[in-house]
C-alpha atoms as a PDB file:
ATOM      1  CA  UNK A   1     171.979   8.011  -3.108  1.00  0.00           C
ATOM      2  CA  UNK A   2     169.379  10.248  -1.382  1.00  0.00           C
ATOM      3  CA  UNK A   3     165.674   9.611  -2.504  1.00  0.00           C
ATOM      4  CA  UNK A   4     162.221  10.133  -1.422  1.00  0.00           C
ATOM      5  CA  UNK A   5     159.754   7.147  -1.449  1.00  0.00           C
ATOM      6  CA  UNK A   6     156.060   7.469  -1.661  1.00  0.00           C
ATOM      7  CA  UNK A   7     154.332   6.028   1.626  1.00  0.00           C
ATOM      8  CA  UNK A   8     150.894   4.417   1.079  1.00  0.00           C
ATOM      9  CA  UNK A   9     148.269   2.735   3.267  1.00  0.00           C
ATOM     10  CA  UNK A  10     147.707  -1.022   2.965  1.00  0.00           C
ATOM     11  CA  UNK A  11     144.637  -2.696   4.634  1.00  0.00           C
ATOM     12  CA  UNK A  12     146.267  -6.055   4.402  1.00  0.00           C
ATOM     13  CA  UNK A  13     150.035  -5.897   3.577  1.00  0.00           C
ATOM     14  CA  UNK A  14     150.194  -9.313   2.043  1.00  0.00           C
ATOM     15  CA  UNK A  15     147.199  -8.710  -0.335  1.00  0.00           C
ATOM     16  CA  UNK A  16     148.715  -5.652  -1.440  1.00  0.00           C
ATOM     17  CA  UNK A  17     151.910  -7.338  -1.946  1.00  0.00           C
ATOM     18  CA  UNK A  18     150.332  -9.663  -4.143  1.00  0.00           C
ATOM     19  CA  UNK A  19     148.489  -7.096  -6.216  1.00  0.00           C
ATOM     20  CA  UNK A  20     152.095  -5.070  -6.551  1.00  0.00           C
ATOM     21  CA  UNK A  21     153.413  -8.338  -7.610  1.00  0.00           C
ATOM     22  CA  UNK A  22     151.360  -8.843 -10.385  1.00  0.00           C
ATOM     23  CA  UNK A  23     152.334  -5.369 -11.416  1.00  0.00           C
ATOM     24  CA  UNK A  24     155.883  -6.539 -11.340  1.00  0.00           C
ATOM     25  CA  UNK A  25     157.309  -5.218  -7.962  1.00  0.00           C
ATOM     26  CA  UNK A  26     159.368  -7.409  -5.633  1.00  0.00           C
ATOM     27  CA  UNK A  27     158.955  -7.273  -1.985  1.00  0.00           C
ATOM     28  CA  UNK A  28     162.317  -6.019  -0.485  1.00  0.00           C
ATOM     29  CA  UNK A  29     161.244  -5.797   3.264  1.00  0.00           C
ATOM     30  CA  UNK A  30     158.231  -7.132   4.983  1.00  0.00           C
ATOM     31  CA  UNK A  31     156.909  -6.884   8.623  1.00  0.00           C
ATOM     32  CA  UNK A  32     153.714  -6.761  10.381  1.00  0.00           C
ATOM     33  CA  UNK A  33     153.555  -2.964  10.111  1.00  0.00           C
ATOM     34  CA  UNK A  34     155.628  -1.945   6.954  1.00  0.00           C
ATOM     35  CA  UNK A  35     156.262  -3.120   3.557  1.00  0.00           C
ATOM     36  CA  UNK A  36     158.752  -2.016   0.586  1.00  0.00           C
ATOM     37  CA  UNK A  37     158.416  -2.742  -2.910  1.00  0.00           C
ATOM     38  CA  UNK A  38     160.709  -2.291  -5.848  1.00  0.00           C
ATOM     39  CA  UNK A  39     160.517  -2.484  -9.620  1.00  0.00           C
ATOM     40  CA  UNK A  40     163.871  -1.367 -10.847  1.00  0.00           C
ATOM     41  CA  UNK A  41     164.202   2.322  -9.852  1.00  0.00           C
ATOM     42  CA  UNK A  42     160.724   2.415  -8.721  1.00  0.00           C
ATOM     43  CA  UNK A  43     160.169   2.182  -5.065  1.00  0.00           C
ATOM     44  CA  UNK A  44     156.978   2.293  -3.143  1.00  0.00           C
ATOM     45  CA  UNK A  45     156.503   1.711   0.650  1.00  0.00           C
ATOM     46  CA  UNK A  46     153.495   0.795   2.553  1.00  0.00           C
ATOM     47  CA  UNK A  47     152.150   1.028   6.153  1.00  0.00           C
ATOM     48  CA  UNK A  48     149.457  -1.204   7.893  1.00  0.00           C
ATOM     49  CA  UNK A  49     145.999   0.425   7.922  1.00  0.00           C
ATOM     50  CA  UNK A  50     143.528  -1.881   8.548  1.00  0.00           C
ATOM     51  CA  UNK A  51     140.658   0.848   9.146  1.00  0.00           C
ATOM     52  CA  UNK A  52     141.314   2.388   5.654  1.00  0.00           C
ATOM     53  CA  UNK A  53     138.230   2.602   3.479  1.00  0.00           C
ATOM     54  CA  UNK A  54     139.354   2.232  -0.036  1.00  0.00           C
ATOM     55  CA  UNK A  55     136.238   4.459  -1.489  1.00  0.00           C
ATOM     56  CA  UNK A  56     137.384   7.206   0.841  1.00  0.00           C
ATOM     57  CA  UNK A  57     141.040   7.053   0.402  1.00  0.00           C
ATOM     58  CA  UNK A  58     142.844  10.261  -0.856  1.00  0.00           C
ATOM     59  CA  UNK A  59     146.304   8.739  -0.949  1.00  0.00           C
ATOM     60  CA  UNK A  60     148.462   9.077  -4.173  1.00  0.00           C
ATOM     61  CA  UNK A  61     151.710   8.981  -5.601  1.00  0.00           C
ATOM     62  CA  UNK A  62     153.316  10.111  -8.886  1.00  0.00           C
ATOM     63  CA  UNK A  63     155.356   7.850 -10.935  1.00  0.00           C
ATOM     64  CA  UNK A  64     157.548   9.463 -13.298  1.00  0.00           C
ATOM     65  CA  UNK A  65     158.872   6.945 -16.091  1.00  0.00           C
ATOM     66  CA  UNK A  66     160.968   7.549 -19.005  1.00  0.00           C
ATOM     67  CA  UNK A  67     158.575   5.351 -21.213  1.00  0.00           C
ATOM     68  CA  UNK A  68     154.905   5.554 -20.319  1.00  0.00           C
ATOM     69  CA  UNK A  69     153.702   3.796 -22.969  1.00  0.00           C
ATOM     70  CA  UNK A  70     155.896   0.723 -22.247  1.00  0.00           C
ATOM     71  CA  UNK A  71     154.904   0.630 -18.626  1.00  0.00           C
ATOM     72  CA  UNK A  72     151.262   0.980 -19.736  1.00  0.00           C
ATOM     73  CA  UNK A  73     151.387  -1.963 -21.950  1.00  0.00           C
ATOM     74  CA  UNK A  74     152.971  -4.331 -19.120  1.00  0.00           C
ATOM     75  CA  UNK A  75     150.561  -3.170 -16.723  1.00  0.00           C
ATOM     76  CA  UNK A  76     147.684  -3.347 -18.907  1.00  0.00           C
ATOM     77  CA  UNK A  77     148.361  -7.197 -19.479  1.00  0.00           C
ATOM     78  CA  UNK A  78     147.810  -7.803 -15.829  1.00  0.00           C
ATOM     79  CA  UNK A  79     144.726  -9.721 -15.030  1.00  0.00           C
ATOM     80  CA  UNK A  80     142.865  -7.012 -13.555  1.00  0.00           C
ATOM     81  CA  UNK A  81     139.919  -9.439 -12.886  1.00  0.00           C
ATOM     82  CA  UNK A  82     141.778 -10.726  -9.923  1.00  0.00           C
ATOM     83  CA  UNK A  83     141.658  -7.515  -8.497  1.00  0.00           C
ATOM     84  CA  UNK A  84     137.979  -6.105  -9.014  1.00  0.00           C
ATOM     85  CA  UNK A  85     138.397  -3.152  -6.437  1.00  0.00           C
ATOM     86  CA  UNK A  86     141.518  -1.843  -8.487  1.00  0.00           C
ATOM     87  CA  UNK A  87     141.537  -0.479 -12.162  1.00  0.00           C
ATOM     88  CA  UNK A  88     143.791   1.416 -14.803  1.00  0.00           C
ATOM     89  CA  UNK A  89     142.703   4.043 -16.922  1.00  0.00           C
ATOM     90  CA  UNK A  90     143.715   4.601 -20.558  1.00  0.00           C
ATOM     91  CA  UNK A  91     146.952   6.952 -21.505  1.00  0.00           C
ATOM     92  CA  UNK A  92     145.355  10.699 -21.587  1.00  0.00           C
ATOM     93  CA  UNK A  93     147.429  13.501 -23.291  1.00  0.00           C
ATOM     94  CA  UNK A  94     146.780  16.780 -21.524  1.00  0.00           C
ATOM     95  CA  UNK A  95     148.147  20.164 -22.168  1.00  0.00           C
ATOM     96  CA  UNK A  96     151.322  19.555 -20.234  1.00  0.00           C
ATOM     97  CA  UNK A  97     151.762  16.024 -19.544  1.00  0.00           C
ATOM     98  CA  UNK A  98     150.745  12.578 -20.801  1.00  0.00           C
ATOM     99  CA  UNK A  99     149.639   9.723 -18.217  1.00  0.00           C
ATOM    100  CA  UNK A 100     147.441   7.060 -16.869  1.00  0.00           C
ATOM    101  CA  UNK A 101     146.176   6.245 -13.611  1.00  0.00           C
ATOM    102  CA  UNK A 102     145.990   3.253 -11.223  1.00  0.00           C
ATOM    103  CA  UNK A 103     143.691   2.797  -8.532  1.00  0.00           C
ATOM    104  CA  UNK A 104     145.281   0.103  -6.160  1.00  0.00           C
ATOM    105  CA  UNK A 105     143.122  -2.288  -3.993  1.00  0.00           C
ATOM    106  CA  UNK A 106     143.368   0.111  -1.172  1.00  0.00           C
ATOM    107  CA  UNK A 107     142.168   2.975  -3.093  1.00  0.00           C
ATOM    108  CA  UNK A 108     145.386   4.864  -3.508  1.00  0.00           C
ATOM    109  CA  UNK A 109     145.755   6.811  -6.742  1.00  0.00           C
ATOM    110  CA  UNK A 110     148.934   6.282  -8.769  1.00  0.00           C
ATOM    111  CA  UNK A 111     149.505   8.874 -11.466  1.00  0.00           C
ATOM    112  CA  UNK A 112     151.917   7.358 -13.963  1.00  0.00           C
ATOM    113  CA  UNK A 113     153.599  10.129 -15.809  1.00  0.00           C
ATOM    114  CA  UNK A 114     155.867  10.539 -18.816  1.00  0.00           C
ATOM    115  CA  UNK A 115     159.127  11.977 -17.720  1.00  0.00           C
ATOM    116  CA  UNK A 116     160.236  14.741 -19.788  1.00  0.00           C
END
């Protein structure tokens, strides 16, 4: 099966793994320079980037799902106070898409979009 996977920076791979673990991702590969996380059919890959400034990050990925509301409610249940630099938005209905966004602990933007 061919696929494309998002490749995002991580200041600390272990802290990034812990954040995404709270969102339900499982680590399937981990080294000093690379990490792969999966949740069902969702896959994110991370490279070690200790010099990254989270507030200046322009990295992003789109996550397209069949049930945006279910994903939103699951991720909304995370104890976000454990990750004060991260945040989640409300679901927005735009002209062409419904989405919510997550800013992870590294400043990367995840656009979670209802797959049509």
